[in-house]
Protein backbone atom coordinates (compact mmCIF):
# COMPACT_ATOMS: atom_id res chain seq x y z
CA GLN A 1 -10.98 16.67 -23.29
CA LYS A 2 -9.52 14.71 -19.98
CA LEU A 3 -11.47 17.13 -17.86
CA ARG A 4 -14.76 16.14 -19.78
CA GLN A 5 -13.91 12.50 -19.30
CA TYR A 6 -13.33 13.05 -15.57
CA VAL A 7 -16.67 14.92 -15.24
CA HIS A 8 -18.42 12.41 -17.33
CA PHE A 9 -17.17 9.48 -15.21
CA MET A 10 -17.87 11.31 -11.79
CA SER A 11 -21.38 12.27 -13.02
CA GLN A 12 -22.51 8.59 -13.73
CA LYS A 13 -24.72 7.11 -10.97
CA GLU A 14 -23.18 3.91 -10.92
CA ASN A 15 -19.67 5.39 -10.07
CA GLN A 16 -21.06 7.28 -7.07
CA PRO A 17 -20.22 7.99 -4.43
CA VAL A 18 -16.65 9.37 -5.82
CA TYR A 19 -14.02 10.41 -3.25
CA VAL A 20 -11.37 12.79 -4.83
CA PHE A 21 -8.08 13.03 -3.24
CA CYS A 22 -4.38 13.79 -4.26
CA ALA A 23 -1.09 13.28 -2.53
CA GLY A 24 -1.28 16.66 -0.73
CA GLY A 25 -5.01 16.61 -0.52
CA ARG A 26 -5.47 20.31 -0.85
CA ASP A 27 -4.86 21.78 -4.32
CA ARG A 28 -5.73 19.27 -7.03
CA SER A 29 -8.50 17.68 -5.10
CA ASN A 30 -10.22 20.92 -4.73
CA PHE A 31 -9.55 21.83 -8.38
CA PHE A 32 -11.23 18.70 -9.67
CA ILE A 33 -14.06 19.37 -7.40
CA ALA A 34 -14.41 23.03 -8.68
CA VAL A 35 -14.57 21.60 -12.21
CA TYR A 36 -17.20 19.13 -11.29
CA ARG A 37 -19.28 21.92 -9.57
CA VAL A 38 -19.05 24.24 -12.67
CA ALA A 39 -20.16 21.33 -14.97
CA VAL A 40 -22.74 19.44 -13.03
CA ASP A 41 -23.85 21.91 -10.31
CA GLY A 42 -24.05 24.88 -12.78
CA ILE A 43 -22.05 27.29 -10.47
CA SER A 44 -20.14 30.05 -12.25
CA PRO A 45 -16.22 29.79 -12.68
CA GLU A 46 -16.08 32.78 -10.47
CA GLN A 47 -18.11 30.91 -7.78
CA ALA A 48 -16.08 27.86 -7.97
CA ILE A 49 -12.72 29.82 -7.71
CA ALA A 50 -14.17 31.78 -4.75
CA GLU A 51 -14.81 28.28 -3.08
CA MET A 52 -11.26 27.15 -3.80
CA LYS A 53 -9.90 30.29 -2.19
CA GLN A 54 -12.04 30.03 0.78
CA LYS A 55 -10.40 26.67 1.31
CA ARG A 56 -7.16 28.44 1.01
CA VAL A 57 -6.02 26.41 -2.17
CA ARG A 58 -2.84 27.80 -3.86
CA MET A 59 -4.24 29.05 -7.07
CA TRP A 60 -1.06 28.51 -8.97
CA MET A 61 2.20 26.58 -8.19
CA PRO A 62 5.37 26.15 -10.02
CA GLY A 63 5.10 23.43 -12.41
CA THR A 64 1.40 23.27 -12.39
CA LYS A 65 -1.52 24.92 -14.23
CA ASN A 66 -3.09 28.20 -13.38
CA TYR A 67 -6.35 26.71 -11.87
CA PRO A 68 -8.57 29.81 -12.24
CA LYS A 69 -7.52 29.86 -15.84
CA VAL A 70 -8.17 26.32 -16.60
CA ILE A 71 -11.57 26.45 -14.83
CA GLU A 72 -12.61 29.52 -17.01
CA GLU A 73 -11.37 27.83 -20.21
CA TYR A 74 -13.28 24.66 -19.16
CA ALA A 75 -16.52 26.57 -18.56
CA SER A 76 -16.12 28.39 -22.03
CA GLU A 77 -15.78 24.94 -23.71
CA LEU A 78 -19.00 23.59 -21.93
CA ARG A 79 -21.03 26.74 -23.07
CA GLN A 80 -19.77 26.28 -26.66
CA ILE A 81 -20.69 22.51 -26.52
CA ALA A 82 -24.13 23.31 -25.17
CA ALA A 83 -24.67 26.17 -27.71
CA LYS A 84 -23.75 23.80 -30.61
CA GLN A 85 -26.17 20.96 -29.29
CA SER A 86 -28.93 23.43 -28.62
CA THR A 87 -28.78 24.43 -32.29
CA LYS A 88 -29.54 20.72 -33.13
CA GLU A 89 -31.96 19.83 -30.48
CA VAL A 90 -34.83 21.69 -28.86
CA GLY A 91 -34.70 21.89 -25.18
CA VAL A 92 -31.17 20.51 -24.56
CA SER A 93 -29.91 20.74 -21.03
CA PRO A 94 -26.52 22.20 -20.23
CA ARG A 95 -25.74 18.90 -18.76
CA ALA A 96 -25.73 17.31 -22.20
CA ALA A 97 -22.30 18.87 -22.62
CA LEU A 98 -21.09 16.41 -20.07
CA SER A 99 -21.34 13.37 -22.79
CA VAL A 100 -18.07 12.45 -23.91
CA PRO A 101 -18.10 11.84 -27.80
C-alpha cells in the first residue's frame, strides 16, 4: 500500500519534478526509482532489477528488504489490480492501477 501511495504521489503532474534520495544515495533511492519505472513506465521487474544491478545497488542488506522480491511482489499486485479493473471497465489502462483507494 505504501508503495502505491509513493508511486501515486510521484506520478501526479503537480508534484513533478521529483527528486529521490536517501542518506546513502544508492540503494533505497534506486529501489524507489525501480518501483516507479515498473508502475509508470511499464518496464518488467526483471528490467528494473537489471537497471539497479547496473548501478551497483546492493540487492539485499541486513535489516532491509530483499529489493528484487519486493519489486516482483509489487508488479504482481499491480497486475492483479489492473485485471480486476479491466473486468469492470472496457479499455482500462495499466496505469489505472496507480490510483490509491
